[in-house]
């Protein structure tokens, strides 16, 4: 008994394209979830005492995709004096840099685990 596999180059390309699109969607969904978690974590763990509540309220974490091969999570202050919270007073009031240092490696590790499960 013979077994024949008919899988032409065109079909293979279509299926690889579909896989790339699905993987991209998974990474975007994961990134959006992480951005939401990071934003909440920053607001919860901010090291300053609120006076107006604006600095806390305007802390953000957003996902963008500047190119087809890059997904970015951007953490930012929404107040003009946010730069001073991050850099002045020996960085005692910083929240963005400490969050990136703490959570960045975990996010990379999670993505590595995802890729290893997919055996890519």
Protein backbone atom coordinates (compact mmCIF):
# COMPACT_ATOMS: atom_id res chain seq x y z
CA UNK A 1 0.00 0.00 0.00
CA UNK A 2 1.39 3.39 -0.97
CA UNK A 3 0.85 6.62 0.82
CA UNK A 4 0.89 9.81 -1.16
CA UNK A 5 1.05 13.26 0.30
CA UNK A 6 -0.15 15.98 -2.05
CA UNK A 7 0.95 19.24 -0.52
CA UNK A 8 2.05 21.77 -3.02
CA UNK A 9 4.09 24.89 -2.42
CA UNK A 10 1.07 27.16 -2.73
CA UNK A 11 -0.88 25.31 -0.04
CA UNK A 12 2.13 25.27 2.25
CA UNK A 13 2.60 29.04 1.85
CA UNK A 14 -1.09 29.72 2.59
CA UNK A 15 -0.98 27.60 5.74
CA UNK A 16 2.27 29.20 6.95
CA UNK A 17 0.75 32.64 6.36
CA UNK A 18 -2.32 31.64 8.39
CA UNK A 19 -0.10 30.37 11.18
CA UNK A 20 1.87 33.64 11.21
CA UNK A 21 -1.34 35.65 11.35
CA UNK A 22 -2.72 33.55 14.21
CA UNK A 23 0.55 33.72 16.15
CA UNK A 24 0.62 37.49 15.66
CA UNK A 25 -2.91 37.75 17.03
CA UNK A 26 -1.97 35.62 20.05
CA UNK A 27 1.04 37.83 20.78
CA UNK A 28 -1.08 40.98 20.46
CA UNK A 29 -3.71 39.55 22.81
CA UNK A 30 -1.05 38.52 25.31
CA UNK A 31 0.55 41.97 25.09
CA UNK A 32 -2.79 43.73 25.63
CA UNK A 33 -3.43 41.60 28.71
CA UNK A 34 0.04 42.33 30.06
CA UNK A 35 -0.33 46.07 29.36
CA UNK A 36 -3.52 46.14 31.38
CA UNK A 37 -1.84 44.28 34.24
CA UNK A 38 1.19 46.58 34.15
CA UNK A 39 -1.00 49.68 34.21
CA UNK A 40 -2.89 48.37 37.24
CA UNK A 41 0.33 47.38 38.97
CA UNK A 42 1.86 50.84 38.44
CA UNK A 43 -1.23 52.56 39.81
CA UNK A 44 -1.35 50.26 42.83
CA UNK A 45 2.37 50.39 43.67
CA UNK A 46 3.21 54.04 42.93
CA UNK A 47 5.66 55.28 45.56
CA UNK A 48 4.31 58.82 45.88
CA UNK A 49 1.45 60.22 47.92
CA UNK A 50 -1.41 61.47 45.78
CA UNK A 51 -2.32 65.09 46.10
CA UNK A 52 -4.64 65.55 43.12
CA UNK A 53 -4.81 61.96 41.89
CA UNK A 54 -3.86 63.02 38.35
CA UNK A 55 -0.44 61.33 38.25
CA UNK A 56 -1.97 58.03 39.28
CA UNK A 57 -5.02 58.34 37.02
CA UNK A 58 -2.91 59.13 33.96
CA UNK A 59 -0.37 56.31 34.27
CA UNK A 60 -0.77 54.24 31.11
CA UNK A 61 0.44 51.08 29.44
CA UNK A 62 -0.39 50.81 25.73
CA UNK A 63 0.29 48.23 23.05
CA UNK A 64 1.42 49.24 19.59
CA UNK A 65 2.74 47.43 16.56
CA UNK A 66 5.17 49.77 14.78
CA UNK A 67 6.01 47.09 12.20
CA UNK A 68 4.88 43.62 11.32
CA UNK A 69 7.69 42.10 13.39
CA UNK A 70 7.53 44.36 16.46
CA UNK A 71 4.96 44.49 19.25
CA UNK A 72 5.63 47.17 21.85
CA UNK A 73 4.21 47.83 25.30
CA UNK A 74 4.79 51.47 26.27
CA UNK A 75 4.51 52.62 29.88
CA UNK A 76 4.04 56.35 30.39
CA UNK A 77 3.04 59.18 32.67
CA UNK A 78 0.24 61.41 31.46
CA UNK A 79 1.19 64.43 33.54
CA UNK A 80 3.90 66.94 32.64
CA UNK A 81 5.72 66.39 35.92
CA UNK A 82 5.89 62.62 35.41
CA UNK A 83 9.49 62.98 34.23
CA UNK A 84 10.35 64.44 37.64
CA UNK A 85 8.67 61.57 39.43
CA UNK A 86 10.89 59.21 37.44
CA UNK A 87 14.20 61.06 37.58
CA UNK A 88 14.32 63.57 40.45
CA UNK A 89 14.80 62.96 44.18
CA UNK A 90 17.23 60.10 43.57
CA UNK A 91 14.45 58.29 41.65
CA UNK A 92 12.58 57.59 44.89
CA UNK A 93 9.24 58.24 43.18
CA UNK A 94 9.91 56.28 40.00
CA UNK A 95 7.37 53.65 38.97
CA UNK A 96 7.94 53.06 35.24
CA UNK A 97 11.58 51.94 35.31
CA UNK A 98 11.12 49.65 38.34
CA UNK A 99 8.05 48.08 36.72
CA UNK A 100 9.96 47.43 33.48
CA UNK A 101 12.93 45.96 35.39
CA UNK A 102 10.67 43.67 37.40
CA UNK A 103 8.11 42.61 34.80
CA UNK A 104 10.11 42.76 31.54
CA UNK A 105 12.03 39.51 32.09
CA UNK A 106 8.79 37.72 33.05
CA UNK A 107 7.08 38.82 29.86
CA UNK A 108 10.04 37.65 27.75
CA UNK A 109 10.08 34.34 29.63
CA UNK A 110 6.33 33.87 29.05
CA UNK A 111 6.78 34.48 25.33
CA UNK A 112 9.75 32.07 25.23
CA UNK A 113 7.56 29.43 26.92
CA UNK A 114 4.82 30.03 24.36
CA UNK A 115 7.25 29.60 21.48
CA UNK A 116 8.73 26.44 23.00
CA UNK A 117 5.26 24.92 23.33
CA UNK A 118 4.67 25.67 19.67
CA UNK A 119 8.10 24.18 18.92
CA UNK A 120 9.10 27.14 16.78
